[in-house]
Amino acid sequence: QVQLVESGGGLVQAGGSLRLSCAASGRPFSSYAMGWFRQAPGKEREFVAAISWSGTSSYYADSVKGRFTISRDNAKNTVYLQMNSLKPEDTAVYYCTQSAAPGNIRLSSAPAVSAYWGQGTQVTVSS
């Protein structure tokens, strides 16, 4: 079955950077789009970013555009989220996701990129 394991979360000061990683197994990684979501305390889970199976296309939430970068290494079955210029409002549990269908999908569709979920990693940004 699909397994997604996130790592790289932690505590960082506002303005700092973190890189999250997500190691995937269970299906041919290079065939599926990947995504990142987050959930802050007391708030609904929200879409952060998604990347195509090939890595050539990506899509971002407006709240992180220009600060976060999603990337993938298909040889390592890993997707990354580089987070720069972090703000206290970025504090959340961050989840890695994988699409249900292989190939090209609509990256802006949260349901399409989130058939499978990891367990999450905590990111805390102090002011």
Foldseek 3Di string as FASTA:
>chain_A
DKAKAKDWADEEAAQAKTKMKIAIDDDQLLFWKKFKWWDDPPGDIGGAKIAASNRPDMDGDPVQPPFWDWGDDSVRNMIMIIGGRDDQVVWTWMKMAIAPDTDDDDGVDPNRGHPDIHPTDTHGYHD
